[in-house]
């Protein structure tokens, strides 16, 4: 019995774990999350909060989560392909730690 090797084309995400777009996306997520935190923190109980403002906050949150989802999904899939590669394990851990920090 031969083992079938599964190959996924993950180029729709990034070209590799060293793709410069990854660092750009990380920086963008950090920036958006910081801005979101400054806008929202401590203001959810404010009686002057309007539905329009709340919808804007949800859209901003959704944008951050979507970018984070694709980054996390890429790291998970690349790790599932080759969990023995030290560079990939390190990348996976970095993205997991980043995700935890953003959350």
PDB file of N, CA and C in Angstrom:
ATOM      1  N   UNK A   1       0.844  -1.187   0.000  1.00  0.00           N
ATOM      2  CA  UNK A   1       0.000   0.000   0.000  1.00  0.00           C
ATOM      3  C   UNK A   1       0.887   1.247   0.000  1.00  0.00           C
ATOM      4  N   UNK A   2       0.600   2.148  -0.891  1.00  0.00           N
ATOM      5  CA  UNK A   2       1.390   3.375  -0.971  1.00  0.00           C
ATOM      6  C   UNK A   2       0.645   4.515  -0.310  1.00  0.00           C
ATOM      7  N   UNK A   3       1.418   5.421   0.263  1.00  0.00           N
ATOM      8  CA  UNK A   3       0.814   6.600   0.888  1.00  0.00           C
ATOM      9  C   UNK A   3       0.596   7.676  -0.161  1.00  0.00           C
ATOM     10  N   UNK A   4      -0.579   8.227  -0.141  1.00  0.00           N
ATOM     11  CA  UNK A   4      -0.887   9.321  -1.046  1.00  0.00           C
ATOM     12  C   UNK A   4      -0.525  10.629  -0.353  1.00  0.00           C
ATOM     13  N   UNK A   5       0.266  11.423  -1.023  1.00  0.00           N
ATOM     14  CA  UNK A   5       0.666  12.713  -0.471  1.00  0.00           C
ATOM     15  C   UNK A   5      -0.331  13.769  -0.931  1.00  0.00           C
ATOM     16  N   UNK A   6      -0.881  14.461   0.048  1.00  0.00           N
ATOM     17  CA  UNK A   6      -1.834  15.519  -0.272  1.00  0.00           C
ATOM     18  C   UNK A   6      -1.058  16.810  -0.505  1.00  0.00           C
ATOM     19  N   UNK A   7      -1.345  17.450  -1.623  1.00  0.00           N
ATOM     20  CA  UNK A   7      -0.711  18.728  -1.915  1.00  0.00           C
ATOM     21  C   UNK A   7      -1.803  19.770  -2.100  1.00  0.00           C
ATOM     22  N   UNK A   8      -1.717  20.811  -1.292  1.00  0.00           N
ATOM     23  CA  UNK A   8      -2.658  21.913  -1.413  1.00  0.00           C
ATOM     24  C   UNK A   8      -1.959  23.090  -2.059  1.00  0.00           C
ATOM     25  N   UNK A   9      -2.678  23.755  -2.912  1.00  0.00           N
ATOM     26  CA  UNK A   9      -2.165  24.992  -3.496  1.00  0.00           C
ATOM     27  C   UNK A   9      -2.650  26.135  -2.614  1.00  0.00           C
ATOM     28  N   UNK A  10      -1.758  26.660  -1.815  1.00  0.00           N
ATOM     29  CA  UNK A  10      -2.115  27.719  -0.874  1.00  0.00           C
ATOM     30  C   UNK A  10      -1.701  29.100  -1.362  1.00  0.00           C
ATOM     31  N   UNK A  11      -1.386  29.201  -2.649  1.00  0.00           N
ATOM     32  CA  UNK A  11      -0.934  30.477  -3.206  1.00  0.00           C
ATOM     33  C   UNK A  11      -2.006  31.558  -3.185  1.00  0.00           C
ATOM     34  N   UNK A  12      -3.265  31.177  -3.008  1.00  0.00           N
ATOM     35  CA  UNK A  12      -4.309  32.193  -2.867  1.00  0.00           C
ATOM     36  C   UNK A  12      -4.142  32.957  -1.558  1.00  0.00           C
ATOM     37  N   UNK A  13      -3.456  32.339  -0.599  1.00  0.00           N
ATOM     38  CA  UNK A  13      -3.168  32.992   0.678  1.00  0.00           C
ATOM     39  C   UNK A  13      -1.839  33.749   0.574  1.00  0.00           C
ATOM     40  N   UNK A  14      -0.764  32.977   0.525  1.00  0.00           N
ATOM     41  CA  UNK A  14       0.596  33.531   0.446  1.00  0.00           C
ATOM     42  C   UNK A  14       1.440  32.570  -0.383  1.00  0.00           C
ATOM     43  N   UNK A  15       2.550  33.083  -0.926  1.00  0.00           N
ATOM     44  CA  UNK A  15       3.414  32.240  -1.755  1.00  0.00           C
ATOM     45  C   UNK A  15       4.256  31.281  -0.914  1.00  0.00           C
ATOM     46  N   UNK A  16       4.558  31.672   0.323  1.00  0.00           N
ATOM     47  CA  UNK A  16       5.327  30.822   1.248  1.00  0.00           C
ATOM     48  C   UNK A  16       5.251  31.450   2.630  1.00  0.00           C
ATOM     49  N   UNK A  17       5.838  30.788   3.619  1.00  0.00           N
ATOM     50  CA  UNK A  17       5.828  31.359   4.966  1.00  0.00           C
ATOM     51  C   UNK A  17       6.752  32.566   5.065  1.00  0.00           C
ATOM     52  N   UNK A  18       7.552  32.784   4.046  1.00  0.00           N
ATOM     53  CA  UNK A  18       8.448  33.941   4.008  1.00  0.00           C
ATOM     54  C   UNK A  18       7.923  35.067   3.115  1.00  0.00           C
ATOM     55  N   UNK A  19       6.696  34.940   2.667  1.00  0.00           N
ATOM     56  CA  UNK A  19       6.087  35.955   1.807  1.00  0.00           C
ATOM     57  C   UNK A  19       6.024  37.284   2.564  1.00  0.00           C
ATOM     58  N   UNK A  20       6.477  38.353   1.937  1.00  0.00           N
ATOM     59  CA  UNK A  20       6.483  39.665   2.589  1.00  0.00           C
ATOM     60  C   UNK A  20       5.071  40.167   2.900  1.00  0.00           C
ATOM     61  N   UNK A  21       4.076  39.641   2.200  1.00  0.00           N
ATOM     62  CA  UNK A  21       2.689  40.032   2.463  1.00  0.00           C
ATOM     63  C   UNK A  21       2.245  39.621   3.866  1.00  0.00           C
ATOM     64  N   UNK A  22       2.845  38.575   4.407  1.00  0.00           N
ATOM     65  CA  UNK A  22       2.483  38.118   5.745  1.00  0.00           C
ATOM     66  C   UNK A  22       2.797  39.203   6.769  1.00  0.00           C
ATOM     67  N   UNK A  23       4.001  39.734   6.712  1.00  0.00           N
ATOM     68  CA  UNK A  23       4.388  40.778   7.666  1.00  0.00           C
ATOM     69  C   UNK A  23       3.546  42.034   7.473  1.00  0.00           C
ATOM     70  N   UNK A  24       3.228  42.356   6.233  1.00  0.00           N
ATOM     71  CA  UNK A  24       2.363  43.512   5.965  1.00  0.00           C
ATOM     72  C   UNK A  24       0.973  43.288   6.561  1.00  0.00           C
ATOM     73  N   UNK A  25       0.454  42.078   6.402  1.00  0.00           N
ATOM     74  CA  UNK A  25      -0.864  41.765   6.958  1.00  0.00           C
ATOM     75  C   UNK A  25      -0.842  41.815   8.485  1.00  0.00           C
ATOM     76  N   UNK A  26       0.212  41.310   9.085  1.00  0.00           N
ATOM     77  CA  UNK A  26       0.351  41.355  10.542  1.00  0.00           C
ATOM     78  C   UNK A  26       0.346  42.799  11.018  1.00  0.00           C
ATOM     79  N   UNK A  27       1.111  43.637  10.359  1.00  0.00           N
ATOM     80  CA  UNK A  27       1.159  45.051  10.736  1.00  0.00           C
ATOM     81  C   UNK A  27      -0.197  45.726  10.559  1.00  0.00           C
ATOM     82  N   UNK A  28      -0.896  45.393   9.477  1.00  0.00           N
ATOM     83  CA  UNK A  28      -2.215  45.969   9.223  1.00  0.00           C
ATOM     84  C   UNK A  28      -3.211  45.521  10.293  1.00  0.00           C
ATOM     85  N   UNK A  29      -3.180  44.254  10.645  1.00  0.00           N
ATOM     86  CA  UNK A  29      -4.083  43.737  11.678  1.00  0.00           C
ATOM     87  C   UNK A  29      -3.792  44.418  13.015  1.00  0.00           C
ATOM     88  N   UNK A  30      -2.514  44.545  13.352  1.00  0.00           N
ATOM     89  CA  UNK A  30      -2.143  45.208  14.606  1.00  0.00           C
ATOM     90  C   UNK A  30      -2.655  46.651  14.633  1.00  0.00           C
ATOM     91  N   UNK A  31      -2.491  47.352  13.531  1.00  0.00           N
ATOM     92  CA  UNK A  31      -2.923  48.743  13.442  1.00  0.00           C
ATOM     93  C   UNK A  31      -4.439  48.844  13.601  1.00  0.00           C
ATOM     94  N   UNK A  32      -5.179  48.023  12.861  1.00  0.00           N
ATOM     95  CA  UNK A  32      -6.638  48.067  12.927  1.00  0.00           C
ATOM     96  C   UNK A  32      -7.142  47.665  14.310  1.00  0.00           C
ATOM     97  N   UNK A  33      -6.514  46.656  14.917  1.00  0.00           N
ATOM     98  CA  UNK A  33      -6.927  46.207  16.253  1.00  0.00           C
ATOM     99  C   UNK A  33      -6.659  47.287  17.294  1.00  0.00           C
ATOM    100  N   UNK A  34      -5.546  47.980  17.167  1.00  0.00           N
ATOM    101  CA  UNK A  34      -5.220  49.061  18.094  1.00  0.00           C
ATOM    102  C   UNK A  34      -6.219  50.203  17.953  1.00  0.00           C
ATOM    103  N   UNK A  35      -6.527  50.574  16.724  1.00  0.00           N
ATOM    104  CA  UNK A  35      -7.509  51.635  16.479  1.00  0.00           C
ATOM    105  C   UNK A  35      -8.886  51.228  17.005  1.00  0.00           C
ATOM    106  N   UNK A  36      -9.253  49.994  16.781  1.00  0.00           N
ATOM    107  CA  UNK A  36     -10.536  49.488  17.255  1.00  0.00           C
ATOM    108  C   UNK A  36     -10.602  49.552  18.776  1.00  0.00           C
ATOM    109  N   UNK A  37      -9.543  49.103  19.412  1.00  0.00           N
ATOM    110  CA  UNK A  37      -9.489  49.104  20.874  1.00  0.00           C
ATOM    111  C   UNK A  37      -9.639  50.522  21.429  1.00  0.00           C
ATOM    112  N   UNK A  38      -8.962  51.474  20.796  1.00  0.00           N
ATOM    113  CA  UNK A  38      -9.053  52.868  21.251  1.00  0.00           C
ATOM    114  C   UNK A  38     -10.460  53.435  21.078  1.00  0.00           C
ATOM    115  N   UNK A  39     -11.143  53.038  19.999  1.00  0.00           N
ATOM    116  CA  UNK A  39     -12.493  53.545  19.736  1.00  0.00           C
ATOM    117  C   UNK A  39     -13.537  52.935  20.674  1.00  0.00           C
ATOM    118  N   UNK A  40     -13.382  51.652  20.992  1.00  0.00           N
ATOM    119  CA  UNK A  40     -14.462  50.906  21.617  1.00  0.00           C
ATOM    120  C   UNK A  40     -14.290  50.698  23.120  1.00  0.00           C
ATOM    121  N   UNK A  41     -13.076  50.501  23.563  1.00  0.00           N
ATOM    122  CA  UNK A  41     -12.841  50.125  24.961  1.00  0.00           C
ATOM    123  C   UNK A  41     -13.504  51.108  25.925  1.00  0.00           C
ATOM    124  N   UNK A  42     -14.322  50.534  26.813  1.00  0.00           N
ATOM    125  CA  UNK A  42     -14.985  51.315  27.835  1.00  0.00           C
ATOM    126  C   UNK A  42     -16.185  52.119  27.362  1.00  0.00           C
ATOM    127  N   UNK A  43     -16.588  51.945  26.118  1.00  0.00           N
ATOM    128  CA  UNK A  43     -17.678  52.769  25.575  1.00  0.00           C
ATOM    129  C   UNK A  43     -18.960  51.987  25.282  1.00  0.00           C
ATOM    130  N   UNK A  44     -18.959  50.694  25.524  1.00  0.00           N
ATOM    131  CA  UNK A  44     -20.150  49.901  25.211  1.00  0.00           C
ATOM    132  C   UNK A  44     -21.322  50.209  26.139  1.00  0.00           C
ATOM    133  N   UNK A  45     -21.045  50.669  27.333  1.00  0.00           N
ATOM    134  CA  UNK A  45     -22.115  51.001  28.276  1.00  0.00           C
ATOM    135  C   UNK A  45     -22.526  52.463  28.214  1.00  0.00           C
ATOM    136  N   UNK A  46     -21.942  53.201  27.304  1.00  0.00           N
ATOM    137  CA  UNK A  46     -22.230  54.621  27.180  1.00  0.00           C
ATOM    138  C   UNK A  46     -23.669  54.820  26.692  1.00  0.00           C
ATOM    139  N   UNK A  47     -24.481  55.561  27.422  1.00  0.00           N
ATOM    140  CA  UNK A  47     -25.877  55.766  27.011  1.00  0.00           C
ATOM    141  C   UNK A  47     -26.021  56.501  25.672  1.00  0.00           C
ATOM    142  N   UNK A  48     -24.995  57.201  25.253  1.00  0.00           N
ATOM    143  CA  UNK A  48     -25.093  57.927  23.979  1.00  0.00           C
ATOM    144  C   UNK A  48     -24.684  57.066  22.778  1.00  0.00           C
ATOM    145  N   UNK A  49     -24.377  55.779  23.015  1.00  0.00           N
ATOM    146  CA  UNK A  49     -24.012  54.866  21.924  1.00  0.00           C
ATOM    147  C   UNK A  49     -25.202  54.697  20.983  1.00  0.00           C
ATOM    148  N   UNK A  50     -24.960  54.944  19.707  1.00  0.00           N
ATOM    149  CA  UNK A  50     -26.036  54.845  18.717  1.00  0.00           C
ATOM    150  C   UNK A  50     -25.948  53.516  17.967  1.00  0.00           C
ATOM    151  N   UNK A  51     -27.059  53.066  17.412  1.00  0.00           N
ATOM    152  CA  UNK A  51     -27.021  51.850  16.601  1.00  0.00           C
ATOM    153  C   UNK A  51     -26.048  51.972  15.422  1.00  0.00           C
ATOM    154  N   UNK A  52     -25.993  53.142  14.826  1.00  0.00           N
ATOM    155  CA  UNK A  52     -25.082  53.364  13.701  1.00  0.00           C
ATOM    156  C   UNK A  52     -23.630  53.178  14.133  1.00  0.00           C
ATOM    157  N   UNK A  53     -23.298  53.726  15.283  1.00  0.00           N
ATOM    158  CA  UNK A  53     -21.938  53.583  15.800  1.00  0.00           C
ATOM    159  C   UNK A  53     -21.632  52.111  16.097  1.00  0.00           C
ATOM    160  N   UNK A  54     -22.595  51.418  16.671  1.00  0.00           N
ATOM    161  CA  UNK A  54     -22.410  50.007  16.983  1.00  0.00           C
ATOM    162  C   UNK A  54     -22.183  49.184  15.711  1.00  0.00           C
ATOM    163  N   UNK A  55     -22.951  49.491  14.668  1.00  0.00           N
ATOM    164  CA  UNK A  55     -22.774  48.795  13.383  1.00  0.00           C
ATOM    165  C   UNK A  55     -21.380  49.067  12.818  1.00  0.00           C
ATOM    166  N   UNK A  56     -20.901  50.291  12.919  1.00  0.00           N
ATOM    167  CA  UNK A  56     -19.548  50.617  12.452  1.00  0.00           C
ATOM    168  C   UNK A  56     -18.508  49.806  13.219  1.00  0.00           C
ATOM    169  N   UNK A  57     -18.705  49.682  14.512  1.00  0.00           N
ATOM    170  CA  UNK A  57     -17.761  48.910  15.327  1.00  0.00           C
ATOM    171  C   UNK A  57     -17.770  47.435  14.929  1.00  0.00           C
ATOM    172  N   UNK A  58     -18.970  46.897  14.683  1.00  0.00           N
ATOM    173  CA  UNK A  58     -19.059  45.501  14.255  1.00  0.00           C
ATOM    174  C   UNK A  58     -18.370  45.287  12.910  1.00  0.00           C
ATOM    175  N   UNK A  59     -18.519  46.221  12.007  1.00  0.00           N
ATOM    176  CA  UNK A  59     -17.866  46.105  10.699  1.00  0.00           C
ATOM    177  C   UNK A  59     -16.347  46.164  10.844  1.00  0.00           C
ATOM    178  N   UNK A  60     -15.852  47.034  11.699  1.00  0.00           N
ATOM    179  CA  UNK A  60     -14.410  47.127  11.935  1.00  0.00           C
ATOM    180  C   UNK A  60     -13.898  45.837  12.559  1.00  0.00           C
ATOM    181  N   UNK A  61     -14.643  45.306  13.517  1.00  0.00           N
ATOM    182  CA  UNK A  61     -14.274  44.047  14.173  1.00  0.00           C
ATOM    183  C   UNK A  61     -14.256  42.901  13.162  1.00  0.00           C
ATOM    184  N   UNK A  62     -15.272  42.865  12.324  1.00  0.00           N
ATOM    185  CA  UNK A  62     -15.377  41.834  11.300  1.00  0.00           C
ATOM    186  C   UNK A  62     -14.181  41.895  10.333  1.00  0.00           C
ATOM    187  N   UNK A  63     -13.769  43.083   9.968  1.00  0.00           N
ATOM    188  CA  UNK A  63     -12.627  43.255   9.073  1.00  0.00           C
ATOM    189  C   UNK A  63     -11.343  42.702   9.698  1.00  0.00           C
ATOM    190  N   UNK A  64     -11.143  43.003  10.964  1.00  0.00           N
ATOM    191  CA  UNK A  64      -9.961  42.491  11.672  1.00  0.00           C
ATOM    192  C   UNK A  64     -10.006  40.972  11.737  1.00  0.00           C
ATOM    193  N   UNK A  65     -11.156  40.424  12.128  1.00  0.00           N
ATOM    194  CA  UNK A  65     -11.299  38.971  12.274  1.00  0.00           C
ATOM    195  C   UNK A  65     -11.126  38.252  10.942  1.00  0.00           C
ATOM    196  N   UNK A  66     -11.583  38.853   9.861  1.00  0.00           N
ATOM    197  CA  UNK A  66     -11.448  38.216   8.549  1.00  0.00           C
ATOM    198  C   UNK A  66      -9.970  38.123   8.152  1.00  0.00           C
ATOM    199  N   UNK A  67      -9.237  39.201   8.317  1.00  0.00           N
ATOM    200  CA  UNK A  67      -7.804  39.181   7.988  1.00  0.00           C
ATOM    201  C   UNK A  67      -7.068  38.188   8.866  1.00  0.00           C
ATOM    202  N   UNK A  68      -7.418  38.166  10.127  1.00  0.00           N
ATOM    203  CA  UNK A  68      -6.791  37.254  11.068  1.00  0.00           C
ATOM    204  C   UNK A  68      -7.128  35.800  10.727  1.00  0.00           C
ATOM    205  N   UNK A  69      -8.355  35.574  10.298  1.00  0.00           N
ATOM    206  CA  UNK A  69      -8.787  34.228   9.921  1.00  0.00           C
ATOM    207  C   UNK A  69      -7.937  33.670   8.778  1.00  0.00           C
ATOM    208  N   UNK A  70      -7.721  34.472   7.744  1.00  0.00           N
ATOM    209  CA  UNK A  70      -6.945  33.991   6.599  1.00  0.00           C
ATOM    210  C   UNK A  70      -5.489  33.719   6.982  1.00  0.00           C
ATOM    211  N   UNK A  71      -4.935  34.564   7.803  1.00  0.00           N
ATOM    212  CA  UNK A  71      -3.561  34.361   8.266  1.00  0.00           C
ATOM    213  C   UNK A  71      -3.466  33.091   9.097  1.00  0.00           C
ATOM    214  N   UNK A  72      -4.413  32.918   9.998  1.00  0.00           N
ATOM    215  CA  UNK A  72      -4.418  31.736  10.854  1.00  0.00           C
ATOM    216  C   UNK A  72      -4.699  30.456  10.049  1.00  0.00           C
ATOM    217  N   UNK A  73      -5.619  30.543   9.111  1.00  0.00           N
ATOM    218  CA  UNK A  73      -5.932  29.387   8.278  1.00  0.00           C
ATOM    219  C   UNK A  73      -4.713  28.966   7.463  1.00  0.00           C
ATOM    220  N   UNK A  74      -4.021  29.932   6.878  1.00  0.00           N
ATOM    221  CA  UNK A  74      -2.813  29.609   6.117  1.00  0.00           C
ATOM    222  C   UNK A  74      -1.794  28.901   7.004  1.00  0.00           C
ATOM    223  N   UNK A  75      -1.536  29.441   8.181  1.00  0.00           N
ATOM    224  CA  UNK A  75      -0.527  28.838   9.058  1.00  0.00           C
ATOM    225  C   UNK A  75      -0.937  27.425   9.471  1.00  0.00           C
ATOM    226  N   UNK A  76      -2.223  27.220   9.709  1.00  0.00           N
ATOM    227  CA  UNK A  76      -2.704  25.890  10.091  1.00  0.00           C
ATOM    228  C   UNK A  76      -2.557  24.901   8.945  1.00  0.00           C
ATOM    229  N   UNK A  77      -2.943  25.307   7.748  1.00  0.00           N
ATOM    230  CA  UNK A  77      -2.852  24.397   6.605  1.00  0.00           C
ATOM    231  C   UNK A  77      -1.404  24.067   6.258  1.00  0.00           C
ATOM    232  N   UNK A  78      -0.532  25.056   6.294  1.00  0.00           N
ATOM    233  CA  UNK A  78       0.872  24.804   5.961  1.00  0.00           C
ATOM    234  C   UNK A  78       1.504  23.894   7.017  1.00  0.00           C
ATOM    235  N   UNK A  79       1.067  24.061   8.257  1.00  0.00           N
ATOM    236  CA  UNK A  79       1.549  23.201   9.345  1.00  0.00           C
ATOM    237  C   UNK A  79       1.049  21.769   9.168  1.00  0.00           C
ATOM    238  N   UNK A  80      -0.189  21.615   8.724  1.00  0.00           N
ATOM    239  CA  UNK A  80      -0.745  20.268   8.508  1.00  0.00           C
ATOM    240  C   UNK A  80      -0.027  19.549   7.365  1.00  0.00           C
ATOM    241  N   UNK A  81       0.468  20.293   6.422  1.00  0.00           N
ATOM    242  CA  UNK A  81       1.202  19.690   5.313  1.00  0.00           C
ATOM    243  C   UNK A  81       2.526  19.120   5.798  1.00  0.00           C
ATOM    244  N   UNK A  82       3.229  19.882   6.645  1.00  0.00           N
ATOM    245  CA  UNK A  82       4.548  19.443   7.091  1.00  0.00           C
ATOM    246  C   UNK A  82       4.801  19.909   8.525  1.00  0.00           C
ATOM    247  N   UNK A  83       4.292  19.155   9.468  1.00  0.00           N
ATOM    248  CA  UNK A  83       4.428  19.523  10.875  1.00  0.00           C
ATOM    249  C   UNK A  83       5.788  19.162  11.453  1.00  0.00           C
ATOM    250  N   UNK A  84       6.639  18.542  10.666  1.00  0.00           N
ATOM    251  CA  UNK A  84       7.974  18.176  11.146  1.00  0.00           C
ATOM    252  C   UNK A  84       9.028  19.236  10.832  1.00  0.00           C
ATOM    253  N   UNK A  85       8.713  20.133   9.928  1.00  0.00           N
ATOM    254  CA  UNK A  85       9.650  21.177   9.533  1.00  0.00           C
ATOM    255  C   UNK A  85       9.733  22.230  10.637  1.00  0.00           C
ATOM    256  N   UNK A  86      10.923  22.478  11.142  1.00  0.00           N
ATOM    257  CA  UNK A  86      11.113  23.402  12.264  1.00  0.00           C
ATOM    258  C   UNK A  86      10.714  24.835  11.915  1.00  0.00           C
ATOM    259  N   UNK A  87      11.008  25.261  10.698  1.00  0.00           N
ATOM    260  CA  UNK A  87      10.655  26.620  10.282  1.00  0.00           C
ATOM    261  C   UNK A  87       9.129  26.784  10.231  1.00  0.00           C
ATOM    262  N   UNK A  88       8.459  25.769   9.737  1.00  0.00           N
ATOM    263  CA  UNK A  88       6.996  25.810   9.668  1.00  0.00           C
ATOM    264  C   UNK A  88       6.399  25.752  11.068  1.00  0.00           C
ATOM    265  N   UNK A  89       6.957  24.928  11.948  1.00  0.00           N
ATOM    266  CA  UNK A  89       6.471  24.877  13.332  1.00  0.00           C
ATOM    267  C   UNK A  89       6.629  26.230  14.015  1.00  0.00           C
ATOM    268  N   UNK A  90       7.752  26.872  13.765  1.00  0.00           N
ATOM    269  CA  UNK A  90       8.008  28.190  14.348  1.00  0.00           C
ATOM    270  C   UNK A  90       7.012  29.220  13.802  1.00  0.00           C
ATOM    271  N   UNK A  91       6.760  29.175  12.508  1.00  0.00           N
ATOM    272  CA  UNK A  91       5.800  30.078  11.876  1.00  0.00           C
ATOM    273  C   UNK A  91       4.405  29.864  12.456  1.00  0.00           C
ATOM    274  N   UNK A  92       4.008  28.624  12.567  1.00  0.00           N
ATOM    275  CA  UNK A  92       2.690  28.283  13.117  1.00  0.00           C
ATOM    276  C   UNK A  92       2.555  28.824  14.543  1.00  0.00           C
ATOM    277  N   UNK A  93       3.578  28.629  15.352  1.00  0.00           N
ATOM    278  CA  UNK A  93       3.565  29.116  16.735  1.00  0.00           C
ATOM    279  C   UNK A  93       3.502  30.643  16.780  1.00  0.00           C
ATOM    280  N   UNK A  94       4.237  31.294  15.877  1.00  0.00           N
ATOM    281  CA  UNK A  94       4.242  32.762  15.819  1.00  0.00           C
ATOM    282  C   UNK A  94       2.850  33.291  15.512  1.00  0.00           C
ATOM    283  N   UNK A  95       2.190  32.690  14.538  1.00  0.00           N
ATOM    284  CA  UNK A  95       0.853  33.141  14.151  1.00  0.00           C
ATOM    285  C   UNK A  95      -0.154  32.827  15.254  1.00  0.00           C
ATOM    286  N   UNK A  96      -0.014  31.687  15.891  1.00  0.00           N
ATOM    287  CA  UNK A  96      -0.901  31.340  16.990  1.00  0.00           C
ATOM    288  C   UNK A  96      -0.749  32.337  18.144  1.00  0.00           C
ATOM    289  N   UNK A  97       0.472  32.678  18.462  1.00  0.00           N
ATOM    290  CA  UNK A  97       0.747  33.659  19.521  1.00  0.00           C
ATOM    291  C   UNK A  97       0.216  35.041  19.121  1.00  0.00           C
ATOM    292  N   UNK A  98       0.397  35.396  17.873  1.00  0.00           N
ATOM    293  CA  UNK A  98      -0.113  36.683  17.376  1.00  0.00           C
ATOM    294  C   UNK A  98      -1.635  36.725  17.508  1.00  0.00           C
ATOM    295  N   UNK A  99      -2.295  35.656  17.098  1.00  0.00           N
ATOM    296  CA  UNK A  99      -3.741  35.580  17.177  1.00  0.00           C
ATOM    297  C   UNK A  99      -4.203  35.742  18.633  1.00  0.00           C
ATOM    298  N   UNK A 100      -3.541  35.084  19.542  1.00  0.00           N
ATOM    299  CA  UNK A 100      -3.880  35.192  20.959  1.00  0.00           C
ATOM    300  C   UNK A 100      -3.718  36.630  21.444  1.00  0.00           C
ATOM    301  N   UNK A 101      -2.660  37.277  21.028  1.00  0.00           N
ATOM    302  CA  UNK A 101      -2.417  38.668  21.414  1.00  0.00           C
ATOM    303  C   UNK A 101      -3.472  39.617  20.885  1.00  0.00           C
ATOM    304  N   UNK A 102      -3.924  39.386  19.661  1.00  0.00           N
ATOM    305  CA  UNK A 102      -4.950  40.242  19.069  1.00  0.00           C
ATOM    306  C   UNK A 102      -6.285  40.024  19.764  1.00  0.00           C
ATOM    307  N   UNK A 103      -6.581  38.781  20.062  1.00  0.00           N
ATOM    308  CA  UNK A 103      -7.853  38.470  20.739  1.00  0.00           C
ATOM    309  C   UNK A 103      -7.913  39.194  22.057  1.00  0.00           C
TER     310      UNK A 103
END
